[in-house]
C-alpha atoms as a PDB file:
ATOM      1  CA  CYS A   1       3.302  31.413  -2.465  1.00  0.00           C
ATOM      2  CA  SER A   2       2.247  31.942  -6.045  1.00  0.00           C
ATOM      3  CA  ALA A   3      -0.495  34.350  -7.016  1.00  0.00           C
ATOM      4  CA  GLU A   4      -2.553  31.279  -8.015  1.00  0.00           C
ATOM      5  CA  ALA A   5      -2.157  29.465  -4.670  1.00  0.00           C
ATOM      6  CA  HIS A   6      -5.214  28.257  -2.759  1.00  0.00           C
ATOM      7  CA  SER A   7      -6.857  30.598  -0.250  1.00  0.00           C
ATOM      8  CA  SER A   8      -6.095  28.108   2.539  1.00  0.00           C
ATOM      9  CA  ILE A   9      -2.522  29.405   2.552  1.00  0.00           C
ATOM     10  CA  GLU A  10      -3.681  32.951   3.202  1.00  0.00           C
ATOM     11  CA  LYS A  11      -6.017  31.652   5.910  1.00  0.00           C
ATOM     12  CA  ALA A  12      -3.147  29.699   7.504  1.00  0.00           C
ATOM     13  CA  VAL A  13      -1.011  32.855   7.625  1.00  0.00           C
ATOM     14  CA  LYS A  14      -3.843  34.609   9.463  1.00  0.00           C
ATOM     15  CA  ILE A  15      -4.472  31.734  11.877  1.00  0.00           C
ATOM     16  CA  ALA A  16      -0.746  31.425  12.669  1.00  0.00           C
ATOM     17  CA  GLY A  17      -0.740  35.087  13.709  1.00  0.00           C
ATOM     18  CA  LEU A  18       1.722  36.186  11.033  1.00  0.00           C
ATOM     19  CA  GLY A  19      -0.783  38.532   9.418  1.00  0.00           C
ATOM     20  CA  ARG A  20      -1.844  38.749   5.771  1.00  0.00           C
ATOM     21  CA  VAL A  21       0.412  41.751   5.287  1.00  0.00           C
ATOM     22  CA  ASN A  22       3.372  39.356   5.631  1.00  0.00           C
ATOM     23  CA  LEU A  23       2.258  37.025   2.855  1.00  0.00           C
ATOM     24  CA  ARG A  24       4.064  37.578  -0.450  1.00  0.00           C
ATOM     25  CA  LYS A  25       2.217  36.398  -3.556  1.00  0.00           C
ATOM     26  CA  ILE A  26       4.699  35.692  -6.331  1.00  0.00           C
ATOM     27  CA  ALA A  27       3.968  36.305 -10.015  1.00  0.00           C
ATOM     28  CA  VAL A  28       3.271  33.349 -12.308  1.00  0.00           C
ATOM     29  CA  ASP A  29       4.228  32.694 -15.919  1.00  0.00           C
ATOM     30  CA  GLU A  30       1.836  32.044 -18.790  1.00  0.00           C
ATOM     31  CA  SER A  31       1.483  28.396 -17.750  1.00  0.00           C
ATOM     32  CA  LEU A  32       0.472  29.665 -14.267  1.00  0.00           C
ATOM     33  CA  GLY A  33       3.555  28.296 -12.509  1.00  0.00           C
ATOM     34  CA  MET A  34       5.502  30.411  -9.998  1.00  0.00           C
ATOM     35  CA  VAL A  35       8.412  32.382 -11.497  1.00  0.00           C
ATOM     36  CA  PRO A  36      11.528  31.382  -9.478  1.00  0.00           C
ATOM     37  CA  GLU A  37      13.369  34.626 -10.244  1.00  0.00           C
ATOM     38  CA  GLU A  38      10.477  36.625  -8.814  1.00  0.00           C
ATOM     39  CA  LEU A  39      10.522  34.461  -5.697  1.00  0.00           C
ATOM     40  CA  GLU A  40      14.212  35.078  -5.095  1.00  0.00           C
ATOM     41  CA  ARG A  41      13.789  38.806  -5.630  1.00  0.00           C
ATOM     42  CA  ALA A  42      10.990  38.867  -3.030  1.00  0.00           C
ATOM     43  CA  ILE A  43      13.066  36.906  -0.504  1.00  0.00           C
ATOM     44  CA  GLU A  44      16.098  39.156  -0.963  1.00  0.00           C
ATOM     45  CA  ALA A  45      13.979  42.305  -0.695  1.00  0.00           C
ATOM     46  CA  ASP A  46      12.450  41.096   2.587  1.00  0.00           C
ATOM     47  CA  ILE A  47      15.854  40.200   4.029  1.00  0.00           C
ATOM     48  CA  GLU A  48      17.175  43.623   3.075  1.00  0.00           C
ATOM     49  CA  ALA A  49      14.169  45.217   4.794  1.00  0.00           C
ATOM     50  CA  GLY A  50      14.980  43.365   8.007  1.00  0.00           C
ATOM     51  CA  HIS A  51      12.362  40.630   7.695  1.00  0.00           C
ATOM     52  CA  THR A  52      12.943  36.882   8.011  1.00  0.00           C
ATOM     53  CA  PRO A  53      11.298  34.789   5.258  1.00  0.00           C
ATOM     54  CA  LEU A  54      10.297  31.511   6.904  1.00  0.00           C
ATOM     55  CA  CYS A  55       8.318  29.386   4.433  1.00  0.00           C
ATOM     56  CA  VAL A  56       7.592  29.036   0.729  1.00  0.00           C
ATOM     57  CA  VAL A  57       4.502  27.121  -0.381  1.00  0.00           C
ATOM     58  CA  ALA A  58       4.859  25.637  -3.860  1.00  0.00           C
ATOM     59  CA  CYS A  59       1.816  24.263  -5.650  1.00  0.00           C
ATOM     60  CA  LEU A  60       1.387  21.165  -7.768  1.00  0.00           C
ATOM     61  CA  GLY A  61      -1.935  21.742  -9.483  1.00  0.00           C
ATOM     62  CA  THR A  62      -3.348  25.089  -8.379  1.00  0.00           C
ATOM     63  CA  THR A  63      -7.079  25.104  -7.760  1.00  0.00           C
ATOM     64  CA  GLY A  64      -7.957  27.659 -10.417  1.00  0.00           C
ATOM     65  CA  ALA A  65      -6.304  26.115 -13.458  1.00  0.00           C
ATOM     66  CA  SER A  66      -3.849  23.440 -12.266  1.00  0.00           C
ATOM     67  CA  GLY A  67      -0.684  25.533 -12.472  1.00  0.00           C
ATOM     68  CA  ILE A  68       2.443  23.599 -11.498  1.00  0.00           C
ATOM     69  CA  ASP A  69       5.305  25.353  -9.722  1.00  0.00           C
ATOM     70  CA  PRO A  70       8.834  24.196 -10.666  1.00  0.00           C
ATOM     71  CA  LEU A  71      10.121  22.502  -7.514  1.00  0.00           C
ATOM     72  CA  LYS A  72      13.796  22.201  -8.402  1.00  0.00           C
ATOM     73  CA  PRO A  73      14.647  25.914  -8.852  1.00  0.00           C
ATOM     74  CA  ILE A  74      12.300  26.877  -6.009  1.00  0.00           C
ATOM     75  CA  GLY A  75      13.943  24.296  -3.761  1.00  0.00           C
ATOM     76  CA  ASP A  76      17.423  25.575  -4.629  1.00  0.00           C
ATOM     77  CA  ILE A  77      16.368  29.106  -3.686  1.00  0.00           C
ATOM     78  CA  CYS A  78      14.853  27.936  -0.389  1.00  0.00           C
ATOM     79  CA  HIS A  79      17.995  25.934   0.419  1.00  0.00           C
ATOM     80  CA  ARG A  80      20.258  28.940  -0.214  1.00  0.00           C
ATOM     81  CA  HIS A  81      18.202  31.158   2.079  1.00  0.00           C
ATOM     82  CA  GLY A  82      17.336  28.606   4.781  1.00  0.00           C
ATOM     83  CA  VAL A  83      13.592  28.774   4.097  1.00  0.00           C
ATOM     84  CA  TRP A  84      11.193  25.868   4.751  1.00  0.00           C
ATOM     85  CA  LEU A  85       9.646  24.530   1.528  1.00  0.00           C
ATOM     86  CA  HIS A  86       6.135  23.093   1.722  1.00  0.00           C
ATOM     87  CA  VAL A  87       4.340  21.608  -1.290  1.00  0.00           C
ATOM     88  CA  ASP A  88       0.572  21.853  -1.678  1.00  0.00           C
ATOM     89  CA  ALA A  89      -0.373  19.059  -4.079  1.00  0.00           C
ATOM     90  CA  ALA A  90      -3.937  18.801  -2.796  1.00  0.00           C
ATOM     91  CA  TRP A  91      -5.566  17.726  -6.058  1.00  0.00           C
ATOM     92  CA  ALA A  92      -2.839  16.963  -8.589  1.00  0.00           C
ATOM     93  CA  GLY A  93      -0.715  14.968  -6.144  1.00  0.00           C
ATOM     94  CA  SER A  94      -2.863  11.920  -6.865  1.00  0.00           C
ATOM     95  CA  ALA A  95      -1.458  11.896 -10.415  1.00  0.00           C
ATOM     96  CA  LEU A  96       1.924  10.922  -8.960  1.00  0.00           C
ATOM     97  CA  VAL A  97       0.711   7.317  -9.004  1.00  0.00           C
ATOM     98  CA  LEU A  98       1.372   7.630 -12.750  1.00  0.00           C
ATOM     99  CA  PRO A  99       5.066   7.285 -13.669  1.00  0.00           C
ATOM    100  CA  GLU A 100       4.599   9.663 -16.608  1.00  0.00           C
ATOM    101  CA  TYR A 101       3.697  12.488 -14.199  1.00  0.00           C
ATOM    102  CA  ARG A 102       6.575  12.048 -11.759  1.00  0.00           C
ATOM    103  CA  TRP A 103       8.276  14.977 -13.518  1.00  0.00           C
ATOM    104  CA  MET A 104       6.098  17.177 -11.322  1.00  0.00           C
ATOM    105  CA  ILE A 105       8.280  16.317  -8.321  1.00  0.00           C
ATOM    106  CA  ASP A 106      11.665  16.887  -9.918  1.00  0.00           C
ATOM    107  CA  GLY A 107      13.451  18.524  -6.984  1.00  0.00           C
ATOM    108  CA  ILE A 108      11.485  16.698  -4.254  1.00  0.00           C
ATOM    109  CA  ASP A 109      14.789  16.122  -2.394  1.00  0.00           C
ATOM    110  CA  THR A 110      14.732  19.814  -1.361  1.00  0.00           C
ATOM    111  CA  VAL A 111      11.162  19.710  -0.004  1.00  0.00           C
ATOM    112  CA  ASP A 112      10.534  19.846   3.759  1.00  0.00           C
ATOM    113  CA  SER A 113       6.840  18.922   3.786  1.00  0.00           C
ATOM    114  CA  PHE A 114       4.278  17.724   1.262  1.00  0.00           C
ATOM    115  CA  VAL A 115       0.512  17.255   1.354  1.00  0.00           C
ATOM    116  CA  PHE A 116      -2.101  15.833  -1.007  1.00  0.00           C
ATOM    117  CA  ASN A 117      -5.753  14.914  -0.551  1.00  0.00           C
ATOM    118  CA  PRO A 118      -6.826  11.396  -1.588  1.00  0.00           C
ATOM    119  CA  HIS A 119     -10.432  12.602  -1.161  1.00  0.00           C
ATOM    120  CA  LYS A 120     -10.012  14.888  -4.177  1.00  0.00           C
ATOM    121  CA  TRP A 121      -8.872  12.520  -6.938  1.00  0.00           C
ATOM    122  CA  LEU A 122      -7.988   9.167  -5.422  1.00  0.00           C
ATOM    123  CA  PHE A 123     -11.536   7.937  -4.850  1.00  0.00           C
ATOM    124  CA  THR A 124     -11.402   8.180  -1.058  1.00  0.00           C
ATOM    125  CA  ASN A 125     -14.414   9.482   0.871  1.00  0.00           C
ATOM    126  CA  PHE A 126     -14.077  12.930   2.438  1.00  0.00           C
ATOM    127  CA  ASP A 127     -12.041  13.795   4.398  1.00  0.00           C
ATOM    128  CA  CYS A 128      -8.533  12.465   3.972  1.00  0.00           C
ATOM    129  CA  SER A 129      -5.255  14.379   3.607  1.00  0.00           C
ATOM    130  CA  ALA A 130      -1.860  12.703   3.434  1.00  0.00           C
ATOM    131  CA  TYR A 131       0.965  14.730   5.004  1.00  0.00           C
ATOM    132  CA  PHE A 132       4.658  13.957   4.654  1.00  0.00           C
ATOM    133  CA  VAL A 133       7.416  15.688   6.597  1.00  0.00           C
ATOM    134  CA  ARG A 134      11.185  15.311   6.247  1.00  0.00           C
ATOM    135  CA  ASP A 135      12.196  16.394   9.774  1.00  0.00           C
ATOM    136  CA  VAL A 136       9.775  14.731  12.184  1.00  0.00           C
ATOM    137  CA  ASP A 137      11.508  16.365  15.161  1.00  0.00           C
ATOM    138  CA  ALA A 138      10.605  19.811  13.841  1.00  0.00           C
ATOM    139  CA  LEU A 139       6.966  18.758  13.839  1.00  0.00           C
ATOM    140  CA  LEU A 140       7.149  17.273  17.323  1.00  0.00           C
ATOM    141  CA  ARG A 141       8.849  20.371  18.733  1.00  0.00           C
ATOM    142  CA  THR A 142       5.926  22.391  17.390  1.00  0.00           C
ATOM    143  CA  PHE A 143       3.048  20.282  18.728  1.00  0.00           C
ATOM    144  CA  HIS A 144       4.313  18.098  21.584  1.00  0.00           C
ATOM    145  CA  ILE A 145       2.880  18.834  25.027  1.00  0.00           C
ATOM    146  CA  ALA A 146       2.902  16.064  27.641  1.00  0.00           C
ATOM    147  CA  PRO A 147       0.772  16.712  30.739  1.00  0.00           C
ATOM    148  CA  GLU A 148       0.894  13.991  33.355  1.00  0.00           C
ATOM    149  CA  TYR A 149      -2.465  12.493  32.388  1.00  0.00           C
ATOM    150  CA  LEU A 150      -1.267  11.805  28.803  1.00  0.00           C
ATOM    151  CA  LYS A 151       1.953  10.028  29.751  1.00  0.00           C
ATOM    152  CA  THR A 152       2.124   6.241  29.365  1.00  0.00           C
ATOM    153  CA  TRP A 153       4.800   3.577  29.699  1.00  0.00           C
ATOM    154  CA  ALA A 154       4.715   3.067  25.892  1.00  0.00           C
ATOM    155  CA  ASP A 155       5.469   6.676  24.883  1.00  0.00           C
ATOM    156  CA  ASP A 156       9.009   5.871  23.729  1.00  0.00           C
ATOM    157  CA  ALA A 157       8.013   2.692  21.917  1.00  0.00           C
ATOM    158  CA  VAL A 158       5.310   3.990  19.543  1.00  0.00           C
ATOM    159  CA  ILE A 159       4.611   6.858  17.192  1.00  0.00           C
ATOM    160  CA  ASN A 160       1.973   8.950  18.931  1.00  0.00           C
ATOM    161  CA  TYR A 161       0.177  10.905  16.246  1.00  0.00           C
ATOM    162  CA  ARG A 162      -1.411  13.230  18.784  1.00  0.00           C
ATOM    163  CA  ASP A 163       1.924  15.111  18.537  1.00  0.00           C
ATOM    164  CA  TRP A 164       1.809  15.412  14.726  1.00  0.00           C
ATOM    165  CA  GLY A 165      -0.962  18.009  14.458  1.00  0.00           C
ATOM    166  CA  ILE A 166      -3.345  20.305  16.265  1.00  0.00           C
ATOM    167  CA  PRO A 167      -6.135  17.910  17.425  1.00  0.00           C
ATOM    168  CA  LEU A 168      -5.415  15.652  20.376  1.00  0.00           C
ATOM    169  CA  GLY A 169      -7.771  12.952  19.098  1.00  0.00           C
ATOM    170  CA  ARG A 170      -7.385  11.635  15.576  1.00  0.00           C
ATOM    171  CA  ARG A 171      -9.631   9.779  13.161  1.00  0.00           C
ATOM    172  CA  PHE A 172      -8.335   6.614  11.480  1.00  0.00           C
ATOM    173  CA  ARG A 173      -8.303   8.090   7.957  1.00  0.00           C
ATOM    174  CA  ALA A 174      -5.527   5.762   6.781  1.00  0.00           C
ATOM    175  CA  LEU A 175      -8.020   2.894   6.878  1.00  0.00           C
ATOM    176  CA  LYS A 176     -10.027   4.534   4.084  1.00  0.00           C
ATOM    177  CA  VAL A 177      -6.968   4.790   1.848  1.00  0.00           C
ATOM    178  CA  TRP A 178      -6.096   1.168   2.602  1.00  0.00           C
ATOM    179  CA  PHE A 179      -9.547   0.021   1.460  1.00  0.00           C
ATOM    180  CA  VAL A 180      -9.314   2.070  -1.750  1.00  0.00           C
ATOM    181  CA  VAL A 181      -5.891   0.680  -2.664  1.00  0.00           C
ATOM    182  CA  ARG A 182      -7.005  -2.860  -1.803  1.00  0.00           C
ATOM    183  CA  SER A 183     -10.188  -2.447  -3.875  1.00  0.00           C
ATOM    184  CA  TYR A 184      -8.717  -0.945  -7.047  1.00  0.00           C
ATOM    185  CA  GLY A 185      -5.079  -1.973  -6.865  1.00  0.00           C
ATOM    186  CA  VAL A 186      -2.346   0.347  -8.070  1.00  0.00           C
ATOM    187  CA  GLU A 187      -3.004  -0.565 -11.703  1.00  0.00           C
ATOM    188  CA  GLY A 188      -6.721   0.104 -11.279  1.00  0.00           C
ATOM    189  CA  LEU A 189      -6.051   3.550  -9.850  1.00  0.00           C
ATOM    190  CA  GLN A 190      -3.633   4.295 -12.683  1.00  0.00           C
ATOM    191  CA  ARG A 191      -6.158   3.179 -15.298  1.00  0.00           C
ATOM    192  CA  LEU A 192      -8.872   5.483 -13.941  1.00  0.00           C
ATOM    193  CA  LEU A 193      -6.600   8.524 -13.657  1.00  0.00           C
ATOM    194  CA  ARG A 194      -5.299   7.982 -17.186  1.00  0.00           C
ATOM    195  CA  LEU A 195      -8.897   7.740 -18.411  1.00  0.00           C
ATOM    196  CA  HIS A 196      -9.838  11.029 -16.725  1.00  0.00           C
ATOM    197  CA  ILE A 197      -6.814  12.811 -18.173  1.00  0.00           C
ATOM    198  CA  SER A 198      -7.528  11.411 -21.632  1.00  0.00           C
ATOM    199  CA  LEU A 199     -11.183  12.487 -21.510  1.00  0.00           C
ATOM    200  CA  ALA A 200     -10.230  16.016 -20.446  1.00  0.00           C
ATOM    201  CA  GLN A 201      -7.544  16.309 -23.119  1.00  0.00           C
ATOM    202  CA  ASP A 202      -9.994  15.126 -25.803  1.00  0.00           C
ATOM    203  CA  LEU A 203     -12.524  17.718 -24.656  1.00  0.00           C
ATOM    204  CA  GLY A 204      -9.819  20.362 -24.689  1.00  0.00           C
ATOM    205  CA  ARG A 205      -9.127  19.643 -28.358  1.00  0.00           C
ATOM    206  CA  GLN A 206     -12.839  19.973 -29.184  1.00  0.00           C
ATOM    207  CA  ILE A 207     -13.088  23.293 -27.364  1.00  0.00           C
ATOM    208  CA  ALA A 208      -9.953  24.579 -29.113  1.00  0.00           C
ATOM    209  CA  ASP A 209     -11.431  23.602 -32.498  1.00  0.00           C
ATOM    210  CA  ALA A 210     -14.784  25.301 -31.837  1.00  0.00           C
ATOM    211  CA  PRO A 211     -14.897  28.719 -33.562  1.00  0.00           C
ATOM    212  CA  ASP A 212     -16.841  30.372 -30.746  1.00  0.00           C
ATOM    213  CA  PHE A 213     -15.066  28.924 -27.687  1.00  0.00           C
ATOM    214  CA  GLU A 214     -11.532  29.331 -26.397  1.00  0.00           C
ATOM    215  CA  LEU A 215      -9.268  27.705 -23.842  1.00  0.00           C
ATOM    216  CA  LEU A 216      -7.804  30.262 -21.441  1.00  0.00           C
ATOM    217  CA  VAL A 217      -4.833  28.097 -20.514  1.00  0.00           C
ATOM    218  CA  ALA A 218      -3.423  24.863 -21.919  1.00  0.00           C
ATOM    219  CA  PRO A 219      -5.253  21.885 -20.339  1.00  0.00           C
ATOM    220  CA  ARG A 220      -3.410  20.307 -17.420  1.00  0.00           C
ATOM    221  CA  LEU A 221      -4.205  16.829 -16.163  1.00  0.00           C
ATOM    222  CA  ALA A 222      -8.010  16.526 -16.005  1.00  0.00           C
ATOM    223  CA  LEU A 223      -8.939  20.204 -15.635  1.00  0.00           C
ATOM    224  CA  LEU A 224     -10.024  22.650 -18.348  1.00  0.00           C
ATOM    225  CA  CYS A 225     -10.612  26.413 -18.178  1.00  0.00           C
ATOM    226  CA  PHE A 226     -12.480  27.907 -21.104  1.00  0.00           C
ATOM    227  CA  ARG A 227     -14.973  30.573 -22.085  1.00  0.00           C
ATOM    228  CA  TYR A 228     -17.595  31.192 -24.715  1.00  0.00           C
ATOM    229  CA  ARG A 229     -16.467  33.870 -27.169  1.00  0.00           C
ATOM    230  CA  PRO A 230     -18.873  34.347 -30.061  1.00  0.00           C
ATOM    231  CA  ARG A 231     -17.652  36.256 -33.077  1.00  0.00           C
ATOM    232  CA  GLY A 232     -18.037  39.999 -32.793  1.00  0.00           C
ATOM    233  CA  VAL A 233     -17.973  40.069 -28.994  1.00  0.00           C
ATOM    234  CA  ASP A 234     -14.606  41.420 -27.845  1.00  0.00           C
ATOM    235  CA  ASP A 235     -15.442  43.732 -24.954  1.00  0.00           C
ATOM    236  CA  PRO A 236     -13.934  42.202 -21.766  1.00  0.00           C
ATOM    237  CA  GLY A 237     -16.845  43.213 -19.560  1.00  0.00           C
ATOM    238  CA  GLN A 238     -19.393  41.865 -22.010  1.00  0.00           C
ATOM    239  CA  LEU A 239     -17.511  38.563 -22.312  1.00  0.00           C
ATOM    240  CA  ASP A 240     -17.343  38.216 -18.539  1.00  0.00           C
ATOM    241  CA  ALA A 241     -21.078  38.862 -18.189  1.00  0.00           C
ATOM    242  CA  LEU A 242     -21.844  36.450 -21.009  1.00  0.00           C
ATOM    243  CA  ASN A 243     -19.835  33.632 -19.449  1.00  0.00           C
ATOM    244  CA  GLU A 244     -21.151  34.270 -15.962  1.00  0.00           C
ATOM    245  CA  GLY A 245     -24.650  33.975 -17.404  1.00  0.00           C
ATOM    246  CA  LEU A 246     -23.708  30.776 -19.223  1.00  0.00           C
ATOM    247  CA  HIS A 247     -22.192  29.355 -16.048  1.00  0.00           C
ATOM    248  CA  ASN A 248     -25.386  30.020 -14.102  1.00  0.00           C
ATOM    249  CA  MET A 249     -27.625  28.618 -16.836  1.00  0.00           C
ATOM    250  CA  LEU A 250     -25.613  25.393 -17.009  1.00  0.00           C
ATOM    251  CA  ASN A 251     -25.819  24.812 -13.273  1.00  0.00           C
ATOM    252  CA  ASP A 252     -29.470  25.831 -13.084  1.00  0.00           C
ATOM    253  CA  SER A 253     -30.286  23.209 -15.725  1.00  0.00           C
ATOM    254  CA  GLY A 254     -29.399  20.432 -13.285  1.00  0.00           C
ATOM    255  CA  ARG A 255     -27.743  18.439 -16.078  1.00  0.00           C
ATOM    256  CA  LEU A 256     -24.187  19.175 -15.044  1.00  0.00           C
ATOM    257  CA  PHE A 257     -22.251  21.219 -12.528  1.00  0.00           C
ATOM    258  CA  VAL A 258     -19.301  23.452 -13.376  1.00  0.00           C
ATOM    259  CA  THR A 259     -17.394  26.021 -11.360  1.00  0.00           C
ATOM    260  CA  HIS A 260     -15.566  29.185 -12.311  1.00  0.00           C
ATOM    261  CA  THR A 261     -12.454  31.232 -11.661  1.00  0.00           C
ATOM    262  CA  ARG A 262     -10.701  34.286 -13.059  1.00  0.00           C
ATOM    263  CA  LEU A 263      -7.516  33.943 -15.087  1.00  0.00           C
ATOM    264  CA  ASN A 264      -5.657  37.178 -15.797  1.00  0.00           C
ATOM    265  CA  GLY A 265      -8.852  38.959 -14.817  1.00  0.00           C
ATOM    266  CA  ARG A 266     -11.003  37.017 -17.294  1.00  0.00           C
ATOM    267  CA  TYR A 267     -14.057  35.015 -16.211  1.00  0.00           C
ATOM    268  CA  ALA A 268     -13.375  31.336 -16.903  1.00  0.00           C
ATOM    269  CA  ILE A 269     -15.579  28.259 -16.649  1.00  0.00           C
ATOM    270  CA  ARG A 270     -13.847  25.267 -15.048  1.00  0.00           C
ATOM    271  CA  PHE A 271     -14.586  21.724 -16.203  1.00  0.00           C
ATOM    272  CA  GLN A 272     -12.978  18.853 -14.325  1.00  0.00           C
ATOM    273  CA  VAL A 273     -13.158  15.118 -14.963  1.00  0.00           C
ATOM    274  CA  GLY A 274     -12.617  13.153 -11.774  1.00  0.00           C
ATOM    275  CA  GLN A 275     -15.682  11.217 -10.653  1.00  0.00           C
ATOM    276  CA  THR A 276     -15.121   7.485 -10.247  1.00  0.00           C
ATOM    277  CA  GLY A 277     -17.725   6.386 -12.805  1.00  0.00           C
ATOM    278  CA  THR A 278     -17.234   9.073 -15.469  1.00  0.00           C
ATOM    279  CA  GLU A 279     -17.186   7.734 -19.032  1.00  0.00           C
ATOM    280  CA  ALA A 280     -16.558   9.315 -22.444  1.00  0.00           C
ATOM    281  CA  ARG A 281     -20.307   9.558 -23.098  1.00  0.00           C
ATOM    282  CA  HIS A 282     -20.796  11.714 -20.005  1.00  0.00           C
ATOM    283  CA  VAL A 283     -18.140  14.196 -21.122  1.00  0.00           C
ATOM    284  CA  GLN A 284     -19.542  14.334 -24.652  1.00  0.00           C
ATOM    285  CA  GLU A 285     -23.088  14.903 -23.389  1.00  0.00           C
ATOM    286  CA  ALA A 286     -21.805  17.689 -21.141  1.00  0.00           C
ATOM    287  CA  TRP A 287     -19.946  19.378 -24.007  1.00  0.00           C
ATOM    288  CA  GLN A 288     -22.976  19.169 -26.294  1.00  0.00           C
ATOM    289  CA  TRP A 289     -25.139  20.741 -23.588  1.00  0.00           C
ATOM    290  CA  ILE A 290     -22.588  23.503 -22.935  1.00  0.00           C
ATOM    291  CA  ALA A 291     -22.342  24.366 -26.638  1.00  0.00           C
ATOM    292  CA  GLU A 292     -26.092  24.171 -27.176  1.00  0.00           C
ATOM    293  CA  THR A 293     -26.837  26.369 -24.167  1.00  0.00           C
ATOM    294  CA  ALA A 294     -24.216  28.954 -25.116  1.00  0.00           C
ATOM    295  CA  ARG A 295     -25.317  29.228 -28.726  1.00  0.00           C
ATOM    296  CA  GLY A 296     -28.944  29.500 -27.671  1.00  0.00           C
ATOM    297  CA  MET A 297     -28.282  32.545 -25.468  1.00  0.00           C
ATOM    298  CA  GLY A 298     -28.577  34.980 -28.364  1.00  0.00           C
END
């Protein structure tokens, strides 16, 4: 997986018994997408060392700053080496309802499994993940166990989702998605996502134009990563401490809530537009409060 991938991948490697020592984190480029050449080098080095690479996890919209891994070259590499390709599109996958963002899945024909979470940006109550798999038999061979007390006369006539994952019992999460799609309609969902992206991009331009703030990566979708950088303050440690203090002050105010990450070692404040009822005035009020708080720190 990429160096920007979500921690759930590392946790999954531990839970599966493979061990964290067998997880390879691949370098990313300046747009925070996985570098395919580095991936292939890592695969070839492991094969030469007698190891068997078994899965690559590509990300569409990394948690930290919405990096997007290039699926087509990654998929070609996985195909050449017989490696399973899984796509983690937990947050950004919702944007695929927009035709103008379908470029993110160029190369989807090489993908073995794909997951995104409607509860993150498709207005569905927690929890709800949508999982797609190309080879259903591979999934069934992994999970299917049929003791006598679970056998029924209808086993061959229905899809039994108990065999599609770890839990035996399953919640009816699909019903929540059905209600959301029926309530908003496809065009309604598209309108809201386009609004969120537009609001974030507008804020990104304001931050870029501010003399004492800077974007740490080009805005992607509806997520921004920035920091306060007043003139004359260039020491990395001092800037980190300053922005950590700003982050805490903003959240302590109770007027907004932001999170943080580190990009290339630098402390970054994350601002994401995604709540169902967010309007332009909310984003502008948040930006004014951020700027006012930062400039009042002294």
